[in-house]
Amino acid sequence: MELFEKEVKRLNEDQKFTAFMSDEEEAEKLRKTLISEAKTEGIKSEKIKIAKNMLENNMSKEVISKITGLSIAEIEALK
């Protein structure tokens, strides 16, 4: 899924690709991109909340990383 997202973003930024799009298609592309980014940010925000709660309950950084998918560095920055 991550690879697909990267490819879509690359195409969205490619002037040769976007030149063939109508105004409606361009607007729809922008809307979908904004929705996708908002979802990604929301998920990241929830992972951070969960990690903070886990830290407050003295769970190890390694376990928190496995459960949330956050890196050890990201978890350490939450302190």
N, C-alpha and C. Protein backbone atom coordinates (compact mmCIF):
# COMPACT_ATOMS: atom_id res chain seq x y z
N MET A 1 0.83 -1.19 0.00
CA MET A 1 0.00 0.00 0.00
C MET A 1 0.87 1.25 0.00
N GLU A 2 1.94 1.22 0.79
CA GLU A 2 2.84 2.37 0.87
C GLU A 2 3.49 2.65 -0.49
N LEU A 3 3.88 1.59 -1.19
CA LEU A 3 4.47 1.74 -2.51
C LEU A 3 3.48 2.38 -3.48
N PHE A 4 2.21 1.95 -3.39
CA PHE A 4 1.16 2.51 -4.23
C PHE A 4 0.98 4.01 -3.95
N GLU A 5 0.96 4.37 -2.65
CA GLU A 5 0.81 5.78 -2.28
C GLU A 5 1.95 6.63 -2.84
N LYS A 6 3.17 6.12 -2.76
CA LYS A 6 4.34 6.84 -3.28
C LYS A 6 4.21 7.06 -4.79
N GLU A 7 3.75 6.02 -5.49
CA GLU A 7 3.62 6.13 -6.95
C GLU A 7 2.52 7.13 -7.31
N VAL A 8 1.41 7.13 -6.59
CA VAL A 8 0.34 8.09 -6.85
C VAL A 8 0.84 9.51 -6.60
N LYS A 9 1.55 9.71 -5.51
CA LYS A 9 2.08 11.05 -5.22
C LYS A 9 3.06 11.49 -6.31
N ARG A 10 3.89 10.54 -6.79
CA ARG A 10 4.85 10.89 -7.84
C ARG A 10 4.11 11.31 -9.11
N LEU A 11 3.09 10.56 -9.47
CA LEU A 11 2.31 10.91 -10.66
C LEU A 11 1.58 12.24 -10.49
N ASN A 12 1.06 12.48 -9.30
CA ASN A 12 0.35 13.72 -9.04
C ASN A 12 1.26 14.94 -9.18
N GLU A 13 2.54 14.75 -8.95
CA GLU A 13 3.49 15.86 -9.05
C GLU A 13 4.13 15.96 -10.44
N ASP A 14 3.88 14.99 -11.30
CA ASP A 14 4.45 14.96 -12.65
C ASP A 14 3.63 15.87 -13.57
N GLN A 15 4.24 16.96 -14.04
CA GLN A 15 3.56 17.93 -14.89
C GLN A 15 3.08 17.31 -16.20
N LYS A 16 3.82 16.36 -16.75
CA LYS A 16 3.41 15.70 -17.98
C LYS A 16 2.12 14.91 -17.77
N PHE A 17 2.00 14.28 -16.62
CA PHE A 17 0.81 13.49 -16.30
C PHE A 17 -0.39 14.40 -16.04
N THR A 18 -0.20 15.42 -15.22
CA THR A 18 -1.32 16.27 -14.83
C THR A 18 -1.78 17.19 -15.96
N ALA A 19 -0.95 17.40 -16.98
CA ALA A 19 -1.33 18.26 -18.10
C ALA A 19 -2.51 17.67 -18.89
N PHE A 20 -2.68 16.37 -18.81
CA PHE A 20 -3.75 15.70 -19.54
C PHE A 20 -5.07 15.66 -18.77
N MET A 21 -5.08 16.19 -17.57
CA MET A 21 -6.27 16.11 -16.73
C MET A 21 -7.16 17.33 -16.93
N SER A 22 -8.46 17.10 -16.86
CA SER A 22 -9.40 18.22 -16.94
C SER A 22 -9.42 18.93 -15.58
N ASP A 23 -10.05 20.09 -15.53
CA ASP A 23 -10.16 20.83 -14.27
C ASP A 23 -10.89 19.99 -13.22
N GLU A 24 -11.91 19.26 -13.65
CA GLU A 24 -12.67 18.42 -12.72
C GLU A 24 -11.81 17.28 -12.19
N GLU A 25 -11.04 16.68 -13.08
CA GLU A 25 -10.15 15.59 -12.66
C GLU A 25 -9.08 16.11 -11.71
N GLU A 26 -8.55 17.28 -12.00
CA GLU A 26 -7.55 17.90 -11.13
C GLU A 26 -8.13 18.18 -9.75
N ALA A 27 -9.35 18.70 -9.70
CA ALA A 27 -10.01 18.99 -8.43
C ALA A 27 -10.26 17.70 -7.65
N GLU A 28 -10.69 16.66 -8.34
CA GLU A 28 -10.94 15.38 -7.68
C GLU A 28 -9.64 14.77 -7.16
N LYS A 29 -8.58 14.89 -7.94
CA LYS A 29 -7.27 14.39 -7.52
C LYS A 29 -6.83 15.11 -6.25
N LEU A 30 -6.99 16.41 -6.21
CA LEU A 30 -6.61 17.19 -5.04
C LEU A 30 -7.45 16.79 -3.83
N ARG A 31 -8.75 16.63 -4.02
CA ARG A 31 -9.65 16.23 -2.93
C ARG A 31 -9.23 14.89 -2.36
N LYS A 32 -8.97 13.93 -3.22
CA LYS A 32 -8.57 12.59 -2.77
C LYS A 32 -7.22 12.63 -2.06
N THR A 33 -6.30 13.43 -2.56
CA THR A 33 -4.99 13.56 -1.92
C THR A 33 -5.13 14.15 -0.53
N LEU A 34 -5.95 15.17 -0.40
CA LEU A 34 -6.15 15.80 0.92
C LEU A 34 -6.82 14.83 1.90
N ILE A 35 -7.78 14.07 1.42
CA ILE A 35 -8.44 13.07 2.28
C ILE A 35 -7.42 12.02 2.73
N SER A 36 -6.62 11.55 1.81
CA SER A 36 -5.61 10.54 2.13
C SER A 36 -4.62 11.06 3.16
N GLU A 37 -4.16 12.29 2.97
CA GLU A 37 -3.21 12.87 3.91
C GLU A 37 -3.84 13.06 5.28
N ALA A 38 -5.10 13.44 5.33
CA ALA A 38 -5.79 13.63 6.61
C ALA A 38 -5.93 12.29 7.33
N LYS A 39 -6.25 11.23 6.60
CA LYS A 39 -6.36 9.91 7.21
C LYS A 39 -5.01 9.47 7.77
N THR A 40 -3.96 9.68 6.99
CA THR A 40 -2.62 9.29 7.44
C THR A 40 -2.23 10.04 8.71
N GLU A 41 -2.50 11.34 8.74
CA GLU A 41 -2.21 12.14 9.93
C GLU A 41 -3.03 11.69 11.13
N GLY A 42 -4.28 11.34 10.90
CA GLY A 42 -5.14 10.86 11.97
C GLY A 42 -4.64 9.56 12.57
N ILE A 43 -4.20 8.66 11.72
CA ILE A 43 -3.66 7.38 12.18
C ILE A 43 -2.39 7.62 12.98
N LYS A 44 -1.52 8.49 12.47
CA LYS A 44 -0.26 8.79 13.18
C LYS A 44 -0.57 9.40 14.54
N SER A 45 -1.54 10.29 14.59
CA SER A 45 -1.91 10.94 15.84
C SER A 45 -2.41 9.92 16.86
N GLU A 46 -3.21 8.96 16.41
CA GLU A 46 -3.71 7.91 17.30
C GLU A 46 -2.57 7.04 17.81
N LYS A 47 -1.62 6.70 16.93
CA LYS A 47 -0.47 5.89 17.35
C LYS A 47 0.33 6.62 18.43
N ILE A 48 0.48 7.94 18.27
CA ILE A 48 1.22 8.72 19.26
C ILE A 48 0.48 8.73 20.59
N LYS A 49 -0.83 8.89 20.58
CA LYS A 49 -1.62 8.87 21.82
C LYS A 49 -1.47 7.53 22.53
N ILE A 50 -1.55 6.47 21.76
CA ILE A 50 -1.42 5.12 22.33
C ILE A 50 -0.02 4.94 22.92
N ALA A 51 0.99 5.36 22.19
CA ALA A 51 2.37 5.23 22.67
C ALA A 51 2.59 6.02 23.96
N LYS A 52 2.04 7.22 24.03
CA LYS A 52 2.17 8.02 25.25
C LYS A 52 1.52 7.31 26.43
N ASN A 53 0.35 6.74 26.21
CA ASN A 53 -0.34 6.00 27.26
C ASN A 53 0.49 4.80 27.70
N MET A 54 1.07 4.12 26.75
CA MET A 54 1.90 2.96 27.07
C MET A 54 3.14 3.37 27.86
N LEU A 55 3.75 4.49 27.49
CA LEU A 55 4.91 4.99 28.23
C LEU A 55 4.53 5.32 29.67
N GLU A 56 3.37 5.94 29.84
CA GLU A 56 2.89 6.28 31.18
C GLU A 56 2.66 5.03 32.02
N ASN A 57 2.42 3.90 31.36
CA ASN A 57 2.22 2.64 32.06
C ASN A 57 3.49 1.79 32.09
N ASN A 58 4.62 2.46 31.88
CA ASN A 58 5.96 1.86 32.00
C ASN A 58 6.20 0.67 31.09
N MET A 59 5.63 0.69 29.91
CA MET A 59 5.91 -0.37 28.96
C MET A 59 7.23 -0.06 28.26
N SER A 60 7.90 -1.10 27.81
CA SER A 60 9.21 -0.90 27.17
C SER A 60 9.03 -0.26 25.79
N LYS A 61 10.04 0.49 25.41
CA LYS A 61 10.01 1.16 24.10
C LYS A 61 9.94 0.14 22.96
N GLU A 62 10.57 -1.01 23.16
CA GLU A 62 10.58 -2.04 22.13
C GLU A 62 9.17 -2.59 21.90
N VAL A 63 8.45 -2.84 22.99
CA VAL A 63 7.08 -3.36 22.88
C VAL A 63 6.18 -2.30 22.25
N ILE A 64 6.34 -1.05 22.68
CA ILE A 64 5.54 0.05 22.13
C ILE A 64 5.78 0.16 20.63
N SER A 65 7.04 0.04 20.23
CA SER A 65 7.39 0.12 18.81
C SER A 65 6.73 -1.00 18.02
N LYS A 66 6.77 -2.23 18.56
CA LYS A 66 6.14 -3.36 17.87
C LYS A 66 4.64 -3.16 17.72
N ILE A 67 4.00 -2.65 18.76
CA ILE A 67 2.54 -2.52 18.73
C ILE A 67 2.09 -1.35 17.86
N THR A 68 2.77 -0.22 17.97
CA THR A 68 2.32 0.99 17.26
C THR A 68 2.94 1.17 15.88
N GLY A 69 4.09 0.54 15.65
CA GLY A 69 4.79 0.75 14.39
C GLY A 69 5.66 2.00 14.39
N LEU A 70 5.68 2.72 15.52
CA LEU A 70 6.54 3.89 15.63
C LEU A 70 7.97 3.42 15.88
N SER A 71 8.93 4.21 15.44
CA SER A 71 10.33 3.86 15.69
C SER A 71 10.69 4.17 17.14
N ILE A 72 11.78 3.58 17.61
CA ILE A 72 12.26 3.86 18.97
C ILE A 72 12.56 5.35 19.11
N ALA A 73 13.15 5.95 18.09
CA ALA A 73 13.47 7.38 18.13
C ALA A 73 12.18 8.23 18.27
N GLU A 74 11.14 7.84 17.54
CA GLU A 74 9.87 8.57 17.65
C GLU A 74 9.29 8.44 19.05
N ILE A 75 9.41 7.25 19.62
CA ILE A 75 8.89 7.02 20.97
C ILE A 75 9.70 7.81 22.00
N GLU A 76 11.01 7.82 21.85
CA GLU A 76 11.85 8.58 22.79
C GLU A 76 11.55 10.07 22.72
N ALA A 77 11.17 10.54 21.57
CA ALA A 77 10.86 11.98 21.41
C ALA A 77 9.55 12.36 22.10
N LEU A 78 8.75 11.36 22.47
CA LEU A 78 7.48 11.64 23.11
C LEU A 78 7.62 11.97 24.60
N LYS A 79 8.76 11.62 25.17
CA LYS A 79 8.96 11.83 26.61
C LYS A 79 8.99 13.28 26.98
